[in-house]
N, C-alpha and C. Protein backbone atom coordinates (compact mmCIF):
# COMPACT_ATOMS: atom_id res chain seq x y z
N MET A 1 120.95 -258.89 44.85
CA MET A 1 119.83 -258.57 45.76
C MET A 1 120.10 -259.13 47.17
N SER A 2 119.93 -258.27 48.17
CA SER A 2 120.09 -258.73 49.57
C SER A 2 118.81 -259.34 50.05
N TRP A 3 118.94 -260.59 50.48
CA TRP A 3 117.72 -261.34 50.95
C TRP A 3 117.14 -260.68 52.18
N ASN A 4 117.96 -259.84 52.89
CA ASN A 4 117.39 -259.16 54.14
C ASN A 4 116.29 -258.19 53.73
N LEU A 5 116.28 -257.75 52.46
CA LEU A 5 115.19 -256.83 52.04
C LEU A 5 113.84 -257.51 52.13
N LEU A 6 113.81 -258.83 52.04
CA LEU A 6 112.55 -259.61 52.17
C LEU A 6 112.00 -259.39 53.54
N GLY A 7 112.76 -259.50 54.59
CA GLY A 7 112.36 -259.23 55.98
C GLY A 7 111.91 -257.84 56.15
N ILE A 8 112.63 -256.90 55.63
CA ILE A 8 112.26 -255.41 55.74
C ILE A 8 110.92 -255.23 55.03
N LEU A 9 110.73 -255.83 53.85
CA LEU A 9 109.46 -255.74 53.10
C LEU A 9 108.31 -256.23 53.94
N ILE A 10 108.45 -257.38 54.59
CA ILE A 10 107.40 -257.93 55.42
C ILE A 10 107.04 -256.99 56.53
N TRP A 11 108.06 -256.41 57.20
CA TRP A 11 107.75 -255.40 58.27
C TRP A 11 107.01 -254.19 57.74
N VAL A 12 107.32 -253.79 56.58
CA VAL A 12 106.68 -252.67 55.89
C VAL A 12 105.19 -253.06 55.67
N ILE A 13 104.92 -254.23 55.20
CA ILE A 13 103.58 -254.71 54.94
C ILE A 13 102.78 -254.73 56.27
N ILE A 14 103.37 -255.22 57.35
CA ILE A 14 102.75 -255.31 58.62
C ILE A 14 102.36 -253.91 59.08
N ILE A 15 103.29 -252.94 58.91
CA ILE A 15 102.98 -251.55 59.32
C ILE A 15 101.83 -250.97 58.52
N LEU A 16 101.93 -251.21 57.23
CA LEU A 16 100.85 -250.72 56.30
C LEU A 16 99.52 -251.37 56.66
N TYR A 17 99.54 -252.65 57.05
CA TYR A 17 98.32 -253.36 57.45
C TYR A 17 97.78 -252.76 58.79
N LEU A 18 98.67 -252.35 59.72
CA LEU A 18 98.23 -251.76 60.90
C LEU A 18 97.48 -250.44 60.62
N VAL A 19 98.02 -249.65 59.70
CA VAL A 19 97.37 -248.40 59.24
C VAL A 19 96.02 -248.70 58.67
N PHE A 20 95.97 -249.76 57.79
CA PHE A 20 94.75 -250.14 57.14
C PHE A 20 93.65 -250.49 58.18
N ILE A 21 93.98 -251.40 59.17
CA ILE A 21 92.94 -251.82 60.09
C ILE A 21 92.49 -250.67 60.97
N ILE A 22 93.32 -249.74 61.32
CA ILE A 22 92.87 -248.60 62.09
C ILE A 22 91.85 -247.83 61.30
N GLN A 23 92.17 -247.56 60.05
CA GLN A 23 91.25 -246.78 59.23
C GLN A 23 89.93 -247.59 58.96
N ASP A 24 90.14 -248.87 58.73
CA ASP A 24 88.92 -249.72 58.41
C ASP A 24 88.02 -249.87 59.64
N ILE A 25 88.61 -250.03 60.80
CA ILE A 25 87.73 -250.17 61.95
C ILE A 25 87.03 -248.80 62.18
N ARG A 26 87.71 -247.72 62.07
CA ARG A 26 87.11 -246.40 62.22
C ARG A 26 85.99 -246.12 61.20
N LYS A 27 86.29 -246.55 59.94
CA LYS A 27 85.29 -246.31 58.86
C LYS A 27 84.03 -247.12 59.14
N ARG A 28 84.27 -248.39 59.44
CA ARG A 28 83.06 -249.23 59.65
C ARG A 28 82.29 -248.82 60.85
N ARG A 29 82.89 -248.35 61.94
CA ARG A 29 82.25 -247.85 63.13
C ARG A 29 81.36 -246.60 62.80
N ILE A 30 82.01 -245.65 62.05
CA ILE A 30 81.20 -244.47 61.71
C ILE A 30 80.01 -244.83 60.84
N LYS A 31 80.26 -245.73 59.85
CA LYS A 31 79.19 -246.16 58.99
C LYS A 31 78.00 -246.88 59.78
N MET A 32 78.45 -247.70 60.76
CA MET A 32 77.45 -248.37 61.60
C MET A 32 76.64 -247.36 62.40
N ILE A 33 77.20 -246.35 62.97
CA ILE A 33 76.48 -245.38 63.74
C ILE A 33 75.55 -244.53 62.88
N ILE A 34 76.06 -244.16 61.70
CA ILE A 34 75.20 -243.29 60.83
C ILE A 34 74.11 -244.11 60.17
N LYS A 35 74.41 -245.24 59.63
CA LYS A 35 73.39 -245.99 58.85
C LYS A 35 72.45 -246.80 59.80
N SER A 36 73.09 -247.51 60.76
CA SER A 36 72.31 -248.40 61.61
C SER A 36 71.90 -247.87 62.95
N HIS A 37 72.47 -246.68 63.28
CA HIS A 37 72.30 -246.01 64.57
C HIS A 37 72.58 -246.95 65.71
N LYS A 38 73.68 -247.65 65.53
CA LYS A 38 74.15 -248.62 66.57
C LYS A 38 75.62 -248.33 66.82
N ARG A 39 75.99 -248.64 68.05
CA ARG A 39 77.41 -248.50 68.40
C ARG A 39 78.11 -249.86 68.53
N PHE A 40 77.33 -250.96 68.48
CA PHE A 40 77.84 -252.30 68.54
C PHE A 40 77.01 -253.28 67.83
N THR A 41 77.67 -254.11 67.01
CA THR A 41 77.05 -255.26 66.35
C THR A 41 78.06 -256.42 66.40
N TRP A 42 77.56 -257.61 66.56
CA TRP A 42 78.46 -258.76 66.61
C TRP A 42 79.34 -258.98 65.36
N PRO A 43 78.69 -258.91 64.15
CA PRO A 43 79.48 -259.06 62.94
C PRO A 43 80.60 -258.09 62.83
N ASN A 44 80.36 -256.82 63.15
CA ASN A 44 81.43 -255.76 63.13
C ASN A 44 82.53 -256.09 64.16
N PHE A 45 82.06 -256.50 65.39
CA PHE A 45 83.01 -256.75 66.46
C PHE A 45 83.89 -257.97 66.10
N LEU A 46 83.31 -259.04 65.52
CA LEU A 46 84.08 -260.20 65.16
C LEU A 46 85.08 -259.88 64.00
N LEU A 47 84.67 -259.00 63.09
CA LEU A 47 85.58 -258.61 62.00
C LEU A 47 86.76 -257.78 62.59
N ASP A 48 86.53 -256.98 63.61
CA ASP A 48 87.60 -256.23 64.25
C ASP A 48 88.57 -257.22 64.91
N LEU A 49 88.02 -258.24 65.59
CA LEU A 49 88.89 -259.25 66.27
C LEU A 49 89.70 -260.00 65.22
N LEU A 50 89.12 -260.34 64.11
CA LEU A 50 89.85 -261.12 63.02
C LEU A 50 91.01 -260.29 62.48
N GLU A 51 90.73 -259.05 62.19
CA GLU A 51 91.80 -258.14 61.68
C GLU A 51 92.94 -257.97 62.71
N ILE A 52 92.58 -257.77 63.95
CA ILE A 52 93.62 -257.59 65.04
C ILE A 52 94.34 -258.87 65.22
N ALA A 53 93.67 -260.01 65.16
CA ALA A 53 94.29 -261.33 65.37
C ALA A 53 95.37 -261.57 64.33
N ILE A 54 95.04 -261.23 63.05
CA ILE A 54 95.93 -261.38 61.93
C ILE A 54 97.19 -260.49 62.18
N LEU A 55 97.02 -259.32 62.62
CA LEU A 55 98.13 -258.40 62.94
C LEU A 55 99.01 -258.98 64.01
N VAL A 56 98.36 -259.45 65.09
CA VAL A 56 99.16 -259.94 66.25
C VAL A 56 99.98 -261.16 65.85
N VAL A 57 99.36 -262.13 65.15
CA VAL A 57 100.01 -263.37 64.73
C VAL A 57 101.23 -262.99 63.81
N ALA A 58 100.99 -262.09 62.86
CA ALA A 58 102.11 -261.77 61.99
C ALA A 58 103.22 -261.04 62.68
N SER A 59 102.89 -260.14 63.67
CA SER A 59 103.95 -259.43 64.36
C SER A 59 104.73 -260.37 65.29
N VAL A 60 103.97 -261.25 66.00
CA VAL A 60 104.68 -262.22 66.90
C VAL A 60 105.61 -263.11 66.10
N TRP A 61 105.11 -263.54 64.90
CA TRP A 61 105.92 -264.48 64.07
C TRP A 61 107.21 -263.72 63.58
N MET A 62 107.12 -262.48 63.23
CA MET A 62 108.27 -261.74 62.75
C MET A 62 109.22 -261.40 63.92
N VAL A 63 108.71 -261.13 65.03
CA VAL A 63 109.58 -260.86 66.24
C VAL A 63 110.36 -262.12 66.55
N ASN A 64 109.68 -263.24 66.45
CA ASN A 64 110.37 -264.53 66.69
C ASN A 64 111.47 -264.81 65.69
N GLU A 65 111.15 -264.48 64.40
CA GLU A 65 112.08 -264.72 63.30
C GLU A 65 113.29 -263.75 63.47
N CYS A 66 113.09 -262.53 63.85
CA CYS A 66 114.13 -261.52 63.90
C CYS A 66 114.94 -261.50 65.20
N LEU A 67 114.26 -261.64 66.37
CA LEU A 67 114.90 -261.45 67.64
C LEU A 67 115.11 -262.76 68.40
N LEU A 68 114.29 -263.74 68.20
CA LEU A 68 114.36 -264.93 69.03
C LEU A 68 114.83 -266.16 68.26
N ASP A 69 115.39 -265.97 67.08
CA ASP A 69 115.84 -267.04 66.22
C ASP A 69 116.97 -267.87 66.85
N ASN A 70 116.81 -269.13 66.93
CA ASN A 70 117.75 -270.08 67.55
C ASN A 70 118.03 -271.22 66.69
N PRO A 71 118.86 -271.00 65.57
CA PRO A 71 118.95 -272.02 64.55
C PRO A 71 119.80 -273.23 64.96
N ASP A 72 119.50 -274.32 64.35
CA ASP A 72 120.29 -275.57 64.55
C ASP A 72 121.62 -275.34 63.90
N LEU A 73 122.68 -275.39 64.57
CA LEU A 73 124.03 -275.13 64.03
C LEU A 73 124.47 -276.19 63.07
N GLU A 74 123.74 -277.33 62.99
CA GLU A 74 124.11 -278.39 62.04
C GLU A 74 123.12 -278.39 60.85
N ASP A 75 122.29 -277.35 60.74
CA ASP A 75 121.38 -277.21 59.63
C ASP A 75 122.14 -276.54 58.45
N GLN A 76 122.61 -277.33 57.56
CA GLN A 76 123.41 -276.83 56.42
C GLN A 76 122.57 -276.06 55.45
N ALA A 77 121.29 -276.03 55.56
CA ALA A 77 120.46 -275.23 54.73
C ALA A 77 120.48 -273.79 55.17
N ARG A 78 120.75 -273.53 56.47
CA ARG A 78 120.72 -272.16 57.00
C ARG A 78 122.08 -271.65 57.47
N ILE A 79 122.99 -272.62 57.91
CA ILE A 79 124.22 -272.20 58.53
C ILE A 79 125.47 -272.71 57.81
N THR A 80 126.47 -271.81 57.70
CA THR A 80 127.74 -272.21 57.24
C THR A 80 128.73 -271.94 58.42
N SER A 81 129.72 -272.84 58.65
CA SER A 81 130.55 -272.66 59.79
C SER A 81 132.02 -272.98 59.47
N THR A 82 132.88 -272.41 60.30
CA THR A 82 134.27 -272.65 60.17
C THR A 82 134.88 -272.79 61.56
N VAL A 83 136.05 -273.47 61.70
CA VAL A 83 136.75 -273.56 62.98
C VAL A 83 138.17 -273.21 62.73
N LYS A 84 138.62 -272.25 63.52
CA LYS A 84 140.03 -271.79 63.37
C LYS A 84 140.74 -272.18 64.63
N TYR A 85 141.99 -272.81 64.47
CA TYR A 85 142.79 -273.23 65.63
C TYR A 85 143.99 -272.32 65.71
N GLU A 86 144.17 -271.80 66.90
CA GLU A 86 145.38 -270.95 67.12
C GLU A 86 146.06 -271.34 68.46
N PRO A 87 147.41 -271.47 68.48
CA PRO A 87 148.13 -271.80 69.67
C PRO A 87 148.02 -270.73 70.75
N LEU A 88 148.00 -271.19 71.99
CA LEU A 88 147.93 -270.22 73.15
C LEU A 88 149.34 -269.82 73.42
N VAL A 89 149.48 -268.62 73.97
CA VAL A 89 150.76 -268.12 74.43
C VAL A 89 150.73 -268.03 75.92
N MET A 90 151.73 -268.66 76.57
CA MET A 90 151.72 -268.72 78.06
C MET A 90 152.04 -267.35 78.70
N ASN A 91 151.27 -267.01 79.68
CA ASN A 91 151.42 -265.77 80.44
C ASN A 91 152.45 -266.04 81.55
N THR A 92 153.61 -265.40 81.53
CA THR A 92 154.65 -265.68 82.50
C THR A 92 154.85 -264.48 83.41
N GLY A 93 153.83 -263.83 83.77
CA GLY A 93 153.90 -262.63 84.65
C GLY A 93 154.04 -263.06 86.08
N THR A 94 153.57 -262.21 87.03
CA THR A 94 153.71 -262.53 88.44
C THR A 94 152.98 -263.82 88.80
N GLY A 95 153.52 -264.60 89.70
CA GLY A 95 152.85 -265.86 90.15
C GLY A 95 153.16 -266.97 89.17
N ASN A 96 152.35 -268.03 89.23
CA ASN A 96 152.64 -269.18 88.36
C ASN A 96 152.32 -268.87 86.91
N SER A 97 152.97 -269.52 85.98
CA SER A 97 152.74 -269.33 84.56
C SER A 97 151.37 -269.98 84.21
N SER A 98 150.63 -269.34 83.38
CA SER A 98 149.31 -269.78 83.03
C SER A 98 149.01 -269.51 81.61
N TYR A 99 147.98 -270.28 81.10
CA TYR A 99 147.47 -270.10 79.71
C TYR A 99 146.23 -269.31 79.75
N VAL A 100 145.43 -269.40 80.85
CA VAL A 100 144.17 -268.68 80.87
C VAL A 100 143.91 -268.17 82.32
N THR A 101 143.36 -266.97 82.41
CA THR A 101 142.96 -266.44 83.68
C THR A 101 141.48 -266.35 83.76
N ILE A 102 140.87 -266.90 84.87
CA ILE A 102 139.43 -266.84 85.02
C ILE A 102 139.04 -265.81 85.99
N ASN A 103 138.19 -264.89 85.53
CA ASN A 103 137.76 -263.78 86.36
C ASN A 103 136.33 -264.08 86.79
N SER A 104 136.08 -264.19 88.09
CA SER A 104 134.76 -264.55 88.53
C SER A 104 134.14 -263.38 89.42
N ALA A 105 132.92 -263.03 89.05
CA ALA A 105 132.15 -261.99 89.84
C ALA A 105 131.49 -262.66 90.96
N LYS A 106 131.81 -262.24 92.18
CA LYS A 106 131.26 -262.91 93.39
C LYS A 106 129.98 -262.24 93.75
N LYS A 107 128.97 -262.48 92.93
CA LYS A 107 127.66 -261.84 93.16
C LYS A 107 126.60 -262.91 93.07
N LYS A 108 125.33 -262.47 93.39
CA LYS A 108 124.19 -263.44 93.34
C LYS A 108 123.96 -263.90 91.89
N MET A 109 124.04 -262.92 91.00
CA MET A 109 123.95 -263.30 89.57
C MET A 109 125.43 -263.24 89.01
N GLY A 110 126.19 -264.14 89.45
CA GLY A 110 127.61 -264.18 89.15
C GLY A 110 127.90 -264.49 87.64
N SER A 111 129.07 -264.14 87.15
CA SER A 111 129.45 -264.44 85.78
C SER A 111 130.95 -264.67 85.80
N GLN A 112 131.45 -265.28 84.79
CA GLN A 112 132.86 -265.51 84.63
C GLN A 112 133.30 -265.02 83.23
N SER A 113 134.59 -264.67 83.16
CA SER A 113 135.21 -264.32 81.92
C SER A 113 136.57 -264.95 81.83
N TYR A 114 137.04 -265.25 80.65
CA TYR A 114 138.31 -265.92 80.46
C TYR A 114 139.22 -264.95 79.71
N THR A 115 140.47 -264.84 80.22
CA THR A 115 141.49 -264.04 79.52
C THR A 115 142.63 -264.90 79.10
N PHE A 116 143.02 -264.79 77.80
CA PHE A 116 144.11 -265.63 77.32
C PHE A 116 144.86 -264.83 76.26
N TYR A 117 146.08 -265.34 75.89
CA TYR A 117 146.88 -264.75 74.88
C TYR A 117 147.02 -265.72 73.71
N LYS A 118 146.91 -265.15 72.51
CA LYS A 118 147.17 -265.93 71.29
C LYS A 118 147.84 -265.00 70.22
N SER A 119 148.77 -265.53 69.55
CA SER A 119 149.47 -264.84 68.47
C SER A 119 149.82 -263.41 68.84
N GLY A 120 150.25 -263.22 70.08
CA GLY A 120 150.66 -261.90 70.55
C GLY A 120 149.59 -260.98 70.89
N SER A 121 148.33 -261.39 70.89
CA SER A 121 147.17 -260.56 71.28
C SER A 121 146.46 -261.10 72.48
N LYS A 122 145.90 -260.22 73.25
CA LYS A 122 145.13 -260.59 74.45
C LYS A 122 143.67 -260.54 74.19
N MET A 123 143.00 -261.64 74.69
CA MET A 123 141.55 -261.68 74.50
C MET A 123 140.84 -261.98 75.84
N THR A 124 139.67 -261.36 76.01
CA THR A 124 138.83 -261.65 77.16
C THR A 124 137.46 -261.92 76.63
N ILE A 125 136.87 -263.11 77.05
CA ILE A 125 135.55 -263.47 76.58
C ILE A 125 134.71 -263.87 77.72
N SER A 126 133.37 -263.72 77.57
CA SER A 126 132.45 -264.16 78.52
C SER A 126 132.25 -265.68 78.53
N ASN A 127 131.95 -266.31 79.66
CA ASN A 127 131.72 -267.72 79.66
C ASN A 127 130.44 -268.15 78.86
N SER A 128 129.69 -267.15 78.46
CA SER A 128 128.57 -267.45 77.60
C SER A 128 129.04 -267.85 76.17
N TYR A 129 130.18 -267.37 75.80
CA TYR A 129 130.75 -267.58 74.47
C TYR A 129 132.06 -268.38 74.47
N GLY A 130 132.33 -269.12 75.56
CA GLY A 130 133.51 -269.91 75.58
C GLY A 130 133.59 -270.72 76.79
N SER A 131 134.55 -271.67 76.81
CA SER A 131 134.75 -272.51 77.95
C SER A 131 136.22 -273.03 77.97
N VAL A 132 136.63 -273.57 79.04
CA VAL A 132 138.01 -274.05 79.21
C VAL A 132 137.92 -275.54 79.35
N SER A 133 138.74 -276.26 78.53
CA SER A 133 138.78 -277.68 78.55
C SER A 133 140.19 -278.17 78.96
N SER A 134 140.31 -279.09 79.89
CA SER A 134 141.56 -279.62 80.28
C SER A 134 141.47 -281.15 80.41
N GLY A 135 142.61 -281.86 80.40
CA GLY A 135 142.59 -283.28 80.55
C GLY A 135 142.55 -283.95 79.18
N LYS A 136 142.18 -285.20 79.13
CA LYS A 136 142.24 -285.96 77.93
C LYS A 136 141.14 -285.72 76.97
N ASN A 137 139.95 -285.41 77.50
CA ASN A 137 138.82 -285.10 76.63
C ASN A 137 138.84 -283.67 76.19
N PRO A 138 138.95 -283.41 74.90
CA PRO A 138 139.04 -282.03 74.40
C PRO A 138 137.74 -281.23 74.53
N LEU A 139 136.65 -281.99 74.70
CA LEU A 139 135.33 -281.26 74.83
C LEU A 139 134.77 -281.25 76.24
N ASP A 140 134.55 -280.11 76.78
CA ASP A 140 133.81 -280.06 78.13
C ASP A 140 132.35 -280.03 77.94
N VAL A 141 131.66 -280.03 78.97
CA VAL A 141 130.19 -280.09 78.90
C VAL A 141 129.60 -278.88 78.22
N SER A 142 130.13 -277.70 78.50
CA SER A 142 129.58 -276.54 77.84
C SER A 142 129.74 -276.45 76.30
N ALA A 143 130.92 -276.99 75.88
CA ALA A 143 131.29 -276.95 74.45
C ALA A 143 130.55 -278.04 73.63
N GLU A 144 129.85 -278.92 74.30
CA GLU A 144 129.06 -280.01 73.60
C GLU A 144 127.97 -279.43 72.79
N LYS A 145 127.50 -278.20 73.09
CA LYS A 145 126.45 -277.58 72.32
C LYS A 145 126.96 -277.10 70.95
N ILE A 146 128.31 -277.09 70.77
CA ILE A 146 128.85 -276.60 69.47
C ILE A 146 129.33 -277.80 68.68
N PRO A 147 128.98 -277.85 67.38
CA PRO A 147 129.37 -279.08 66.58
C PRO A 147 130.82 -279.13 66.23
N TYR A 148 131.70 -279.19 67.22
CA TYR A 148 133.11 -279.44 66.94
C TYR A 148 133.35 -280.82 66.54
N SER A 149 134.40 -281.04 65.76
CA SER A 149 134.81 -282.40 65.40
C SER A 149 135.79 -282.90 66.40
N LYS A 150 135.39 -283.92 67.15
CA LYS A 150 136.27 -284.43 68.23
C LYS A 150 137.57 -285.03 67.59
N THR A 151 137.46 -285.64 66.40
CA THR A 151 138.63 -286.17 65.76
C THR A 151 139.63 -285.03 65.42
N GLU A 152 139.06 -283.92 64.92
CA GLU A 152 139.95 -282.82 64.62
C GLU A 152 140.56 -282.19 65.90
N LEU A 153 139.78 -282.13 66.98
CA LEU A 153 140.33 -281.58 68.18
C LEU A 153 141.45 -282.41 68.75
N LEU A 154 141.33 -283.78 68.67
CA LEU A 154 142.38 -284.62 69.15
C LEU A 154 143.62 -284.48 68.27
N LYS A 155 143.41 -284.18 67.02
CA LYS A 155 144.57 -283.95 66.08
C LYS A 155 145.25 -282.67 66.50
N MET A 156 144.48 -281.65 66.89
CA MET A 156 145.16 -280.38 67.34
C MET A 156 145.79 -280.57 68.71
N ASP A 157 145.23 -281.46 69.51
CA ASP A 157 145.84 -281.78 70.78
C ASP A 157 147.30 -282.19 70.61
N ARG A 158 147.53 -283.12 69.60
CA ARG A 158 148.83 -283.59 69.34
C ARG A 158 149.71 -282.46 68.73
N LYS A 159 149.13 -281.69 67.86
CA LYS A 159 149.91 -280.61 67.19
C LYS A 159 150.35 -279.50 68.11
N TYR A 160 149.45 -279.07 69.01
CA TYR A 160 149.73 -277.93 69.88
C TYR A 160 149.99 -278.36 71.39
N GLN A 161 150.14 -279.61 71.68
CA GLN A 161 150.37 -280.09 73.01
C GLN A 161 149.22 -279.63 74.02
N ARG A 162 147.99 -279.63 73.48
CA ARG A 162 146.80 -279.25 74.34
C ARG A 162 146.87 -277.85 74.78
N ALA A 163 147.42 -276.93 73.95
CA ALA A 163 147.42 -275.56 74.38
C ALA A 163 147.12 -274.73 73.17
N TYR A 164 145.78 -274.55 72.96
CA TYR A 164 145.28 -273.84 71.77
C TYR A 164 143.87 -273.37 72.04
N VAL A 165 143.40 -272.52 71.15
CA VAL A 165 141.98 -272.11 71.17
C VAL A 165 141.37 -272.52 69.85
N ALA A 166 140.19 -273.18 69.90
CA ALA A 166 139.41 -273.55 68.73
C ALA A 166 138.27 -272.55 68.59
N ILE A 167 138.33 -271.67 67.64
CA ILE A 167 137.35 -270.60 67.46
C ILE A 167 136.33 -271.12 66.38
N TYR A 168 135.12 -271.35 66.88
CA TYR A 168 134.04 -271.77 65.99
C TYR A 168 133.21 -270.54 65.61
N THR A 169 133.01 -270.35 64.27
CA THR A 169 132.26 -269.26 63.82
C THR A 169 131.11 -269.79 62.89
N ALA A 170 129.91 -269.46 63.22
CA ALA A 170 128.74 -269.76 62.37
C ALA A 170 128.11 -268.59 61.80
N THR A 171 127.82 -268.63 60.52
CA THR A 171 127.25 -267.50 59.78
C THR A 171 125.97 -267.93 59.05
N TYR A 172 124.96 -267.04 59.07
CA TYR A 172 123.74 -267.38 58.32
C TYR A 172 124.04 -267.29 56.83
N LYS A 173 123.52 -268.28 56.10
CA LYS A 173 123.69 -268.28 54.70
C LYS A 173 122.81 -267.23 54.06
N LYS A 174 123.21 -266.79 52.85
CA LYS A 174 122.50 -265.72 52.15
C LYS A 174 121.39 -266.37 51.33
N ASN A 175 120.23 -266.63 51.97
CA ASN A 175 119.09 -267.18 51.33
C ASN A 175 117.80 -266.63 51.88
N TRP A 176 116.65 -266.97 51.25
CA TRP A 176 115.39 -266.30 51.67
C TRP A 176 114.94 -266.71 53.03
N GLN A 177 115.27 -267.94 53.44
CA GLN A 177 114.86 -268.39 54.80
C GLN A 177 115.50 -267.41 55.85
N ASN A 178 116.75 -267.11 55.71
CA ASN A 178 117.40 -266.23 56.65
C ASN A 178 117.04 -264.77 56.40
N GLY A 179 116.68 -264.42 55.17
CA GLY A 179 116.33 -263.09 54.85
C GLY A 179 115.04 -262.61 55.53
N ILE A 180 114.09 -263.59 55.86
CA ILE A 180 112.87 -263.27 56.51
C ILE A 180 113.15 -262.65 57.90
N GLY A 181 114.13 -263.19 58.59
CA GLY A 181 114.53 -262.64 59.90
C GLY A 181 115.59 -261.64 59.85
N ILE A 182 115.96 -261.20 58.63
CA ILE A 182 116.98 -260.12 58.42
C ILE A 182 118.38 -260.65 59.01
N HIS A 183 118.65 -261.93 58.74
CA HIS A 183 119.88 -262.55 59.25
C HIS A 183 120.81 -262.86 58.16
N ALA A 184 120.41 -262.89 56.91
CA ALA A 184 121.21 -263.40 55.79
C ALA A 184 122.61 -262.75 55.80
N GLY A 185 123.64 -263.60 55.74
CA GLY A 185 125.02 -263.13 55.67
C GLY A 185 125.59 -262.62 56.96
N ARG A 186 124.83 -262.67 58.05
CA ARG A 186 125.30 -262.22 59.34
C ARG A 186 125.79 -263.28 60.32
N LEU A 187 126.50 -262.84 61.29
CA LEU A 187 127.05 -263.79 62.30
C LEU A 187 125.96 -264.40 63.12
N ALA A 188 125.98 -265.75 63.19
CA ALA A 188 124.98 -266.42 64.06
C ALA A 188 125.54 -266.57 65.43
N THR A 189 126.71 -267.08 65.53
CA THR A 189 127.42 -267.19 66.89
C THR A 189 128.88 -267.43 66.68
N ARG A 190 129.65 -267.07 67.70
CA ARG A 190 131.03 -267.40 67.75
C ARG A 190 131.41 -267.95 69.15
N TYR A 191 132.18 -269.12 69.18
CA TYR A 191 132.44 -269.73 70.39
C TYR A 191 133.92 -270.08 70.48
N TYR A 192 134.52 -269.87 71.67
CA TYR A 192 135.92 -270.14 71.92
C TYR A 192 136.13 -271.32 72.91
N LEU A 193 136.66 -272.35 72.38
CA LEU A 193 137.02 -273.55 73.23
C LEU A 193 138.52 -273.41 73.55
N ILE A 194 138.80 -273.11 74.78
CA ILE A 194 140.13 -272.85 75.25
C ILE A 194 140.68 -274.21 75.79
N ARG A 195 141.72 -274.71 75.11
CA ARG A 195 142.29 -276.04 75.40
C ARG A 195 143.59 -275.87 76.20
N ILE A 196 143.67 -276.46 77.36
CA ILE A 196 144.85 -276.43 78.15
C ILE A 196 145.24 -277.85 78.60
N PRO A 197 146.55 -278.08 78.92
CA PRO A 197 146.93 -279.45 79.29
C PRO A 197 146.35 -279.92 80.61
N ASP A 198 146.22 -279.10 81.62
CA ASP A 198 145.53 -279.51 82.89
C ASP A 198 145.23 -278.20 83.66
N SER A 199 144.52 -278.36 84.76
CA SER A 199 144.01 -277.22 85.50
C SER A 199 145.13 -276.38 86.19
N SER A 200 146.34 -276.90 86.24
CA SER A 200 147.44 -276.12 86.90
C SER A 200 147.85 -274.92 86.05
N PHE A 201 147.37 -274.90 84.74
CA PHE A 201 147.70 -273.76 83.84
C PHE A 201 146.54 -272.69 83.93
N ILE A 202 145.67 -272.81 84.92
CA ILE A 202 144.62 -271.83 85.10
C ILE A 202 144.97 -270.93 86.25
N LYS A 203 144.79 -269.60 86.05
CA LYS A 203 144.95 -268.66 87.18
C LYS A 203 143.60 -268.08 87.42
N GLU A 204 143.22 -268.02 88.71
CA GLU A 204 141.91 -267.47 89.08
C GLU A 204 142.03 -266.19 89.80
N LYS A 205 141.04 -265.32 89.47
CA LYS A 205 141.02 -263.95 90.21
C LYS A 205 139.66 -263.85 90.94
């Protein structure tokens, strides 16, 4: 059984409830006009509000679960994670040799992307999903939000002479908690910590 069916089922129930309250409000209004010759009564109005409030609360809750979910990456009940370490390949093209190229958009809402080579393949990632670390400390400020093991990073520093990428991958576990938001078994986040010996190995564009 896929736990994501639980989330789909809840959405189906919410849609069916929407159909129900539309019909129920219409039915009670017609009955009120025919039997009581009134177009408004407080009991009927309050019941309308209660039914609509239940629909709104349920819908907002599901939107939050499905679209705005921001899980704790250290929550072992919801998240499983792995870290893969791969050595960087130096780019020896025109100009100084470098491990990473930083591309910056010179705009009001500027952004950056990082381009690097590993295992013979070229990768370009947004700064929203990665950062560049140089110097003695393997973790920069941006990467602090990811639960890397500093001990393991220092070990990789020695193994790869501070020239590697640490790829963190977090996946939602297959359980009912994640199934509610239709996340079970899916990727939660992936982060690239690009480790270089010092800033002289950065090329900027």
